[in-house]
Protein backbone atom coordinates (compact mmCIF):
# COMPACT_ATOMS: atom_id res chain seq x y z
CA UNK A 1 -150.79 35.11 -14.79
CA UNK A 2 -149.82 32.10 -17.29
CA UNK A 3 -146.18 33.38 -17.41
CA UNK A 4 -145.95 33.05 -13.70
CA UNK A 5 -147.92 30.31 -13.39
CA UNK A 6 -145.02 28.23 -15.60
CA UNK A 7 -142.37 29.83 -13.37
CA UNK A 8 -144.33 28.76 -10.22
CA UNK A 9 -143.49 25.20 -11.40
CA UNK A 10 -139.55 25.82 -11.07
CA UNK A 11 -138.36 23.34 -13.68
CA UNK A 12 -137.09 23.38 -17.20
CA UNK A 13 -139.48 20.82 -18.27
CA UNK A 14 -142.56 23.01 -17.87
CA UNK A 15 -141.03 25.95 -20.47
CA UNK A 16 -143.83 27.08 -22.50
CA UNK A 17 -144.01 25.30 -25.56
CA UNK A 18 -142.70 28.10 -27.60
CA UNK A 19 -139.26 28.11 -25.65
CA UNK A 20 -138.65 24.48 -26.41
CA UNK A 21 -139.50 24.60 -29.82
CA UNK A 22 -137.19 27.67 -30.60
CA UNK A 23 -134.30 25.76 -28.90
CA UNK A 24 -135.34 22.45 -31.00
CA UNK A 25 -135.34 24.50 -34.12
CA UNK A 26 -131.85 25.99 -33.70
CA UNK A 27 -130.33 22.67 -33.08
CA UNK A 28 -132.20 20.87 -36.02
CA UNK A 29 -130.82 23.61 -38.62
CA UNK A 30 -127.58 23.52 -37.61
CA UNK A 31 -127.81 19.55 -37.35
CA UNK A 32 -129.31 19.58 -41.02
CA UNK A 33 -126.80 21.92 -42.23
CA UNK A 34 -123.58 20.20 -40.80
CA UNK A 35 -125.14 16.58 -42.02
CA UNK A 36 -126.30 18.07 -45.84
CA UNK A 37 -123.05 19.94 -46.15
CA UNK A 38 -121.08 16.57 -45.18
CA UNK A 39 -123.05 14.66 -48.00
CA UNK A 40 -122.64 17.61 -50.26
CA UNK A 41 -118.81 17.88 -49.65
CA UNK A 42 -118.13 13.98 -49.93
CA UNK A 43 -119.92 14.00 -53.25
CA UNK A 44 -118.52 16.98 -54.39
CA UNK A 45 -114.44 16.23 -53.15
CA UNK A 46 -115.01 12.98 -55.45
CA UNK A 47 -115.77 14.88 -58.24
CA UNK A 48 -112.88 17.47 -57.82
CA UNK A 49 -110.35 14.95 -56.99
CA UNK A 50 -110.96 13.41 -60.41
CA UNK A 51 -110.82 16.60 -61.98
CA UNK A 52 -107.38 17.48 -60.30
CA UNK A 53 -106.05 13.87 -61.20
CA UNK A 54 -106.76 14.78 -64.95
CA UNK A 55 -105.77 18.62 -64.62
CA UNK A 56 -102.21 16.97 -63.15
CA UNK A 57 -101.80 14.56 -66.45
CA UNK A 58 -102.41 17.10 -68.96
CA UNK A 59 -99.90 19.64 -66.99
CA UNK A 60 -97.26 16.87 -66.98
CA UNK A 61 -98.44 16.43 -70.52
CA UNK A 62 -97.22 20.11 -71.43
CA UNK A 63 -93.98 19.88 -69.75
CA UNK A 64 -92.92 17.04 -71.89
CA UNK A 65 -94.32 18.97 -75.32
CA UNK A 66 -92.28 21.97 -74.10
CA UNK A 67 -89.34 19.90 -73.57
CA UNK A 68 -89.29 18.46 -77.17
CA UNK A 69 -88.33 19.99 -80.38
CA UNK A 70 -90.05 22.84 -81.62
CA UNK A 71 -92.00 21.98 -84.74
CA UNK A 72 -95.53 22.72 -86.07
CA UNK A 73 -96.88 19.40 -85.17
CA UNK A 74 -95.37 19.86 -81.44
CA UNK A 75 -96.67 23.17 -81.19
CA UNK A 76 -100.46 22.50 -82.50
CA UNK A 77 -100.33 19.31 -79.96
CA UNK A 78 -99.24 21.79 -77.16
CA UNK A 79 -102.49 23.84 -78.00
CA UNK A 80 -104.39 20.83 -77.96
CA UNK A 81 -103.43 19.82 -74.46
CA UNK A 82 -103.86 23.42 -72.90
CA UNK A 83 -107.17 23.98 -74.50
CA UNK A 84 -108.07 20.62 -72.99
CA UNK A 85 -106.29 21.61 -69.66
CA UNK A 86 -108.16 25.04 -69.65
CA UNK A 87 -111.55 23.36 -70.15
CA UNK A 88 -110.55 21.05 -67.21
CA UNK A 89 -110.34 24.08 -65.15
CA UNK A 90 -113.12 25.45 -66.38
CA UNK A 91 -115.01 22.75 -65.00
CA UNK A 92 -113.27 22.75 -61.84
CA UNK A 93 -113.81 26.24 -60.93
CA UNK A 94 -117.78 25.63 -62.34
CA UNK A 95 -118.07 22.70 -59.91
CA UNK A 96 -116.38 24.74 -56.67
CA UNK A 97 -118.83 27.11 -57.60
CA UNK A 98 -121.72 24.71 -57.62
CA UNK A 99 -120.44 23.48 -54.27
CA UNK A 100 -120.72 26.88 -52.62
CA UNK A 101 -124.18 27.84 -54.01
CA UNK A 102 -125.22 24.93 -52.08
CA UNK A 103 -123.53 25.92 -48.74
CA UNK A 104 -125.08 29.34 -49.37
CA UNK A 105 -128.18 27.87 -50.10
CA UNK A 106 -127.99 25.99 -46.42
CA UNK A 107 -126.29 28.51 -44.75
CA UNK A 108 -129.62 30.99 -45.86
CA UNK A 109 -132.01 28.59 -44.51
CA UNK A 110 -130.19 28.14 -40.85
CA UNK A 111 -129.49 31.79 -41.06
CA UNK A 112 -132.92 32.76 -41.59
CA UNK A 113 -134.36 30.38 -38.93
CA UNK A 114 -131.80 31.44 -36.35
CA UNK A 115 -132.26 35.04 -37.23
CA UNK A 116 -136.32 34.67 -36.23
CA UNK A 117 -135.49 31.99 -33.14
CA UNK A 118 -133.30 34.61 -31.35
CA UNK A 119 -135.68 37.73 -32.43
CA UNK A 120 -138.57 36.00 -30.52
CA UNK A 121 -136.52 34.63 -27.96
CA UNK A 122 -135.03 37.97 -27.43
CA UNK A 123 -138.79 39.79 -26.98
CA UNK A 124 -139.65 37.11 -24.45
CA UNK A 125 -136.48 37.24 -22.49
CA UNK A 126 -136.84 40.92 -22.29
CA UNK A 127 -140.41 40.45 -20.59
CA UNK A 128 -138.93 38.26 -18.16
CA UNK A 129 -135.98 40.56 -17.19
CA UNK A 130 -138.12 43.00 -15.95
CA UNK A 131 -139.07 40.76 -13.22
CA UNK A 132 -135.09 40.52 -12.81
CA UNK A 133 -135.02 42.46 -9.58
CA UNK A 134 -134.55 41.22 -6.19
CA UNK A 135 -137.27 43.15 -5.04
CA UNK A 136 -139.98 42.11 -7.70
CA UNK A 137 -138.66 38.41 -7.19
CA UNK A 138 -139.52 38.42 -4.22
CA UNK A 139 -142.87 40.55 -4.21
CA UNK A 140 -143.97 38.51 -6.79
CA UNK A 141 -143.10 35.18 -5.50
CA UNK A 142 -145.55 33.36 -2.55
CA UNK A 143 -141.90 32.40 -1.29
CA UNK A 144 -138.47 32.70 -1.35
CA UNK A 145 -138.13 29.23 -3.04
CA UNK A 146 -140.43 30.45 -6.03
CA UNK A 147 -138.30 33.47 -6.28
CA UNK A 148 -135.04 31.29 -6.39
CA UNK A 149 -136.54 28.84 -9.05
CA UNK A 150 -137.55 32.06 -10.88
CA UNK A 151 -134.20 33.70 -10.82
CA UNK A 152 -132.57 30.65 -12.00
CA UNK A 153 -135.09 29.51 -14.76
CA UNK A 154 -134.52 33.51 -16.28
CA UNK A 155 -130.60 32.38 -15.97
CA UNK A 156 -131.16 29.54 -18.23
CA UNK A 157 -133.23 31.28 -20.70
CA UNK A 158 -130.51 33.95 -21.02
CA UNK A 159 -127.70 31.60 -21.16
CA UNK A 160 -129.57 30.17 -24.21
CA UNK A 161 -129.99 33.31 -25.49
CA UNK A 162 -125.99 34.09 -25.69
CA UNK A 163 -125.88 30.79 -27.15
CA UNK A 164 -128.46 31.15 -30.23
CA UNK A 165 -126.39 34.91 -30.61
CA UNK A 166 -123.02 33.35 -30.99
CA UNK A 167 -124.48 30.98 -33.15
CA UNK A 168 -126.37 33.40 -35.44
CA UNK A 169 -123.09 35.65 -35.70
CA UNK A 170 -121.26 32.47 -36.26
CA UNK A 171 -123.53 31.77 -39.49
CA UNK A 172 -123.39 35.35 -40.40
CA UNK A 173 -119.34 35.58 -40.84
CA UNK A 174 -119.68 32.28 -42.45
CA UNK A 175 -122.15 33.04 -44.73
CA UNK A 176 -120.14 36.41 -46.05
CA UNK A 177 -117.16 34.08 -46.02
CA UNK A 178 -118.82 31.99 -48.58
CA UNK A 179 -120.44 34.35 -50.39
CA UNK A 180 -116.88 36.26 -51.45
CA UNK A 181 -115.09 33.17 -52.14
CA UNK A 182 -117.53 32.56 -54.60
CA UNK A 183 -117.50 36.05 -56.13
CA UNK A 184 -113.66 35.42 -56.26
CA UNK A 185 -114.31 32.09 -58.32
CA UNK A 186 -116.65 33.93 -60.63
CA UNK A 187 -114.01 36.27 -61.51
CA UNK A 188 -111.56 33.29 -61.92
CA UNK A 189 -113.97 31.56 -64.34
CA UNK A 190 -114.44 34.66 -66.48
CA UNK A 191 -110.45 35.03 -66.56
CA UNK A 192 -109.83 30.92 -67.38
CA UNK A 193 -113.00 31.31 -70.25
CA UNK A 194 -110.92 34.15 -71.80
CA UNK A 195 -107.75 31.93 -71.89
CA UNK A 196 -109.56 29.23 -73.50
CA UNK A 197 -110.93 31.23 -76.21
CA UNK A 198 -107.51 32.90 -76.56
CA UNK A 199 -105.99 29.57 -76.97
CA UNK A 200 -108.25 28.46 -79.54
CA UNK A 201 -107.70 31.66 -81.40
CA UNK A 202 -104.11 31.42 -81.24
CA UNK A 203 -104.49 27.85 -82.90
CA UNK A 204 -106.25 29.02 -85.80
CA UNK A 205 -104.15 31.86 -86.24
CA UNK A 206 -101.11 29.61 -86.29
CA UNK A 207 -102.57 27.15 -88.74
CA UNK A 208 -104.04 30.34 -91.25
CA UNK A 209 -100.39 31.42 -90.92
CA UNK A 210 -98.62 28.26 -91.57
CA UNK A 211 -101.07 26.55 -93.71
CA UNK A 212 -99.99 23.51 -91.75
CA UNK A 213 -96.85 23.85 -93.42
CA UNK A 214 -93.38 22.98 -91.33
CA UNK A 215 -91.40 25.32 -93.16
CA UNK A 216 -93.54 28.18 -92.62
CA UNK A 217 -93.88 27.82 -89.03
CA UNK A 218 -89.76 27.51 -88.67
CA UNK A 219 -90.02 31.08 -90.84
CA UNK A 220 -92.42 32.52 -88.22
CA UNK A 221 -89.92 31.27 -85.47
CA UNK A 222 -87.05 32.83 -86.90
CA UNK A 223 -88.80 36.04 -87.83
CA UNK A 224 -89.65 36.26 -83.94
CA UNK A 225 -86.25 35.47 -82.99
CA UNK A 226 -84.82 37.86 -84.97
CA UNK A 227 -86.72 40.58 -83.69
CA UNK A 228 -86.08 39.85 -80.13
CA UNK A 229 -82.32 39.96 -80.99
CA UNK A 230 -82.60 42.94 -82.67
CA UNK A 231 -84.76 44.85 -79.96
CA UNK A 232 -81.90 43.61 -77.16
CA UNK A 233 -79.07 44.93 -79.21
CA UNK A 234 -80.94 48.22 -79.81
CA UNK A 235 -81.37 48.50 -76.03
CA UNK A 236 -77.76 47.92 -75.77
CA UNK A 237 -77.05 50.73 -77.78
CA UNK A 238 -76.19 49.03 -81.23
CA UNK A 239 -78.38 50.41 -83.48
CA UNK A 240 -77.64 53.03 -86.22
CA UNK A 241 -78.51 56.37 -84.92
CA UNK A 242 -78.84 59.83 -85.91
CA UNK A 243 -80.13 62.91 -83.76
CA UNK A 244 -82.82 64.79 -85.47
CA UNK A 245 -83.67 67.27 -82.72
CA UNK A 246 -86.09 68.39 -79.95
CA UNK A 247 -89.62 67.71 -79.90
CA UNK A 248 -92.64 68.40 -77.96
CA UNK A 249 -95.10 65.72 -75.79
CA UNK A 250 -97.91 65.03 -78.43
CA UNK A 251 -95.35 65.32 -81.68
CA UNK A 252 -95.99 63.18 -84.50
CA UNK A 253 -92.83 61.28 -84.49
CA UNK A 254 -93.51 58.03 -86.53
CA UNK A 255 -96.15 55.86 -88.29
CA UNK A 256 -96.68 52.43 -87.42
CA UNK A 257 -95.57 50.24 -90.26
CA UNK A 258 -98.84 48.09 -91.75
CA UNK A 259 -98.77 44.55 -92.15
CA UNK A 260 -96.25 42.27 -92.27
CA UNK A 261 -92.76 43.78 -92.41
CA UNK A 262 -88.99 43.03 -90.92
CA UNK A 263 -89.20 41.01 -87.45
CA UNK A 264 -92.83 41.46 -87.47
CA UNK A 265 -95.75 38.93 -88.76
CA UNK A 266 -98.54 42.03 -88.40
CA UNK A 267 -99.09 45.64 -87.48
CA UNK A 268 -97.89 46.94 -84.05
CA UNK A 269 -96.01 49.13 -82.07
CA UNK A 270 -93.45 47.43 -79.63
CA UNK A 271 -93.06 50.65 -76.85
CA UNK A 272 -90.54 50.33 -74.15
CA UNK A 273 -89.60 52.36 -71.29
CA UNK A 274 -85.92 52.12 -70.52
CA UNK A 275 -83.16 53.69 -67.77
CA UNK A 276 -79.37 52.81 -67.90
CA UNK A 277 -79.95 50.13 -70.40
CA UNK A 278 -82.86 48.61 -68.35
CA UNK A 279 -86.65 48.38 -69.13
CA UNK A 280 -89.31 49.59 -67.06
CA UNK A 281 -93.19 48.53 -66.98
CA UNK A 282 -94.70 51.19 -69.40
CA UNK A 283 -98.24 50.79 -67.45
CA UNK A 284 -96.24 52.57 -64.60
CA UNK A 285 -95.87 55.74 -66.61
CA UNK A 286 -98.99 55.83 -69.32
CA UNK A 287 -102.51 57.49 -68.54
CA UNK A 288 -105.12 55.29 -66.93
CA UNK A 289 -108.62 55.68 -68.07
CA UNK A 290 -107.86 54.89 -71.86
CA UNK A 291 -110.40 52.76 -74.14
CA UNK A 292 -108.96 49.77 -75.35
CA UNK A 293 -109.70 45.97 -76.45
CA UNK A 294 -107.70 43.34 -74.84
CA UNK A 295 -106.52 40.92 -77.49
CA UNK A 296 -103.23 40.02 -75.34
CA UNK A 297 -104.91 36.51 -73.97
CA UNK A 298 -105.33 38.34 -70.59
CA UNK A 299 -102.62 40.03 -70.13
CA UNK A 300 -102.97 42.82 -67.13
CA UNK A 301 -103.63 46.10 -68.77
CA UNK A 302 -103.61 48.82 -65.53
CA UNK A 303 -102.02 51.95 -66.79
CA UNK A 304 -101.49 54.24 -63.78
CA UNK A 305 -98.84 57.16 -64.69
CA UNK A 306 -99.26 60.48 -66.23
CA UNK A 307 -98.06 60.40 -69.73
CA UNK A 308 -100.33 60.57 -72.70
CA UNK A 309 -100.36 57.48 -74.97
CA UNK A 310 -97.88 57.05 -78.01
CA UNK A 311 -100.99 56.27 -80.15
CA UNK A 312 -104.70 57.63 -80.14
CA UNK A 313 -107.17 55.64 -78.57
CA UNK A 314 -109.17 53.04 -79.09
CA UNK A 315 -106.23 50.82 -77.94
CA UNK A 316 -105.54 47.24 -79.55
CA UNK A 317 -103.64 45.54 -76.62
CA UNK A 318 -101.32 42.67 -78.18
CA UNK A 319 -98.97 41.91 -75.32
CA UNK A 320 -98.00 43.37 -72.11
CA UNK A 321 -95.07 43.62 -69.91
CA UNK A 322 -92.85 41.16 -68.05
CA UNK A 323 -92.69 37.17 -67.82
CA UNK A 324 -96.20 36.47 -67.20
CA UNK A 325 -97.69 37.20 -70.72
CA UNK A 326 -99.95 34.87 -72.15
CA UNK A 327 -97.66 34.59 -75.10
CA UNK A 328 -94.67 33.18 -73.08
CA UNK A 329 -97.06 30.90 -70.58
CA UNK A 330 -99.32 29.21 -73.69
CA UNK A 331 -98.09 30.66 -77.43
CA UNK A 332 -94.56 30.50 -79.31
CA UNK A 333 -93.07 33.35 -77.58
CA UNK A 334 -92.30 31.30 -74.84
CA UNK A 335 -89.95 29.35 -77.14
CA UNK A 336 -87.74 32.61 -77.77
CA UNK A 337 -87.58 34.60 -74.67
CA UNK A 338 -88.82 34.68 -71.05
CA UNK A 339 -89.24 37.91 -70.45
CA UNK A 340 -91.18 40.76 -72.46
CA UNK A 341 -89.44 44.20 -72.30
CA UNK A 342 -92.05 46.37 -73.58
CA UNK A 343 -96.20 46.57 -74.85
CA UNK A 344 -97.34 45.54 -78.21
CA UNK A 345 -100.13 48.06 -79.17
CA UNK A 346 -102.04 49.08 -82.20
CA UNK A 347 -104.34 51.48 -83.27
CA UNK A 348 -106.68 52.14 -86.54
CA UNK A 349 -104.58 55.65 -86.65
CA UNK A 350 -101.17 54.32 -87.68
CA UNK A 351 -99.65 57.60 -86.26
CA UNK A 352 -97.07 57.82 -83.48
CA UNK A 353 -96.52 60.48 -80.73
CA UNK A 354 -93.96 61.54 -78.30
CA UNK A 355 -94.99 60.83 -75.04
CA UNK A 356 -92.66 63.40 -73.36
CA UNK A 357 -90.60 66.20 -74.39
CA UNK A 358 -87.16 65.24 -75.46
CA UNK A 359 -84.62 64.77 -77.77
CA UNK A 360 -85.48 62.50 -81.01
CA UNK A 361 -83.17 59.92 -82.84
CA UNK A 362 -84.04 58.01 -85.63
CA UNK A 363 -82.55 54.39 -85.85
CA UNK A 364 -82.29 51.07 -87.35
CA UNK A 365 -80.47 47.41 -86.65
CA UNK A 366 -79.74 44.82 -88.78
CA UNK A 367 -80.38 41.48 -86.98
CA UNK A 368 -79.97 37.84 -88.33
CA UNK A 369 -82.81 37.95 -90.22
CA UNK A 370 -80.83 39.89 -92.61
CA UNK A 371 -83.55 43.01 -92.36
CA UNK A 372 -83.24 46.37 -90.66
CA UNK A 373 -86.04 46.85 -87.74
CA UNK A 374 -86.48 50.69 -87.56
CA UNK A 375 -87.29 52.47 -84.51
CA UNK A 376 -87.40 56.02 -83.01
CA UNK A 377 -85.96 56.98 -79.65
CA UNK A 378 -86.69 59.76 -77.42
CA UNK A 379 -84.20 60.98 -74.83
CA UNK A 380 -86.26 62.76 -72.18
CA UNK A 381 -85.43 66.35 -71.32
CA UNK A 382 -87.07 66.10 -67.65
CA UNK A 383 -85.66 63.00 -66.75
CA UNK A 384 -83.01 60.27 -67.31
CA UNK A 385 -85.40 58.04 -68.60
CA UNK A 386 -85.69 57.07 -72.51
CA UNK A 387 -88.60 55.73 -74.65
CA UNK A 388 -88.32 53.34 -77.70
CA UNK A 389 -91.00 52.88 -80.40
CA UNK A 390 -90.17 50.22 -82.66
CA UNK A 391 -91.81 48.70 -85.81
CA UNK A 392 -92.16 51.95 -87.55
CA UNK A 393 -91.62 54.45 -90.15
CA UNK A 394 -90.16 57.85 -90.30
């Protein structure tokens, strides 16, 4: 038979052409992938290096601006630099995605070729392996030398198959890793676009509120400082309070003040959870699954508790809890405080409800701004927690 005739020749040069082609094809595809990746990587790395230099320059510029006096001109300059910086970061991420897309395309070609090569080789090796028995080798060979040649020829083919399988598995692992990285970058790109949109809106809102007037800007800052001072004082027990009585979960306890008010530039509820005077993350207690609109600039919205919300859905989410909020990082808040001790939320329905049963207190605090910040507090009946609801009427 033709197959046996090739075996009788007893050397690798006499391999059937399809075997030589498959070995050559796998080597060529790997060489092509490595060469193409190197060329693309060099081109993209130069672009990324230039982008990273520009990003570093703008980051340094922001640091300088934050160290200067808090003026409207300075704040607008910060927004301009932040917008440019975020735009550069978006371009950088897009460049990385493009680079990965090219690599993934090369891997798909290489992976396809290797898969076809391995499938074909596996089929042919299986046919040969049926002769991989001492008795059959001797019985089918005209002499012992031919039998030995056949045996070593088969071993060479099997070694090549194992090498091809290792390459195939490596290519599959690399391919999946690149796909996963691409997915992560796509998510990061979407977040960056949200931040950019928020920065542009914040700049526009600031100009609209101040009408490019330094005096009005300083009034807004003073109002924000007064609010922060009042909140800290309320948490420290310095507010003037009166006990109202027991309330049940879901019972109306107040309503959100509409429009601008004492220590507030717009309608919102500042909701806090505290234990022994220390605030806790409200999202650890509020229920998930509620409909909301994230107007914070991208702050984390991840409720995971069991309490009903103090206001009705849909929730307008303005600022999150902690030190990593958009307003602290990019807005004017960072000039006033470094940690947001509650969450700022709003709703089309101004009604404020108790999240759990407890004792209701109505209070207020007069800060340096000269007006009184009104709030209600509930001392929870089932724990040592307290909840605070600020910027409300009662």
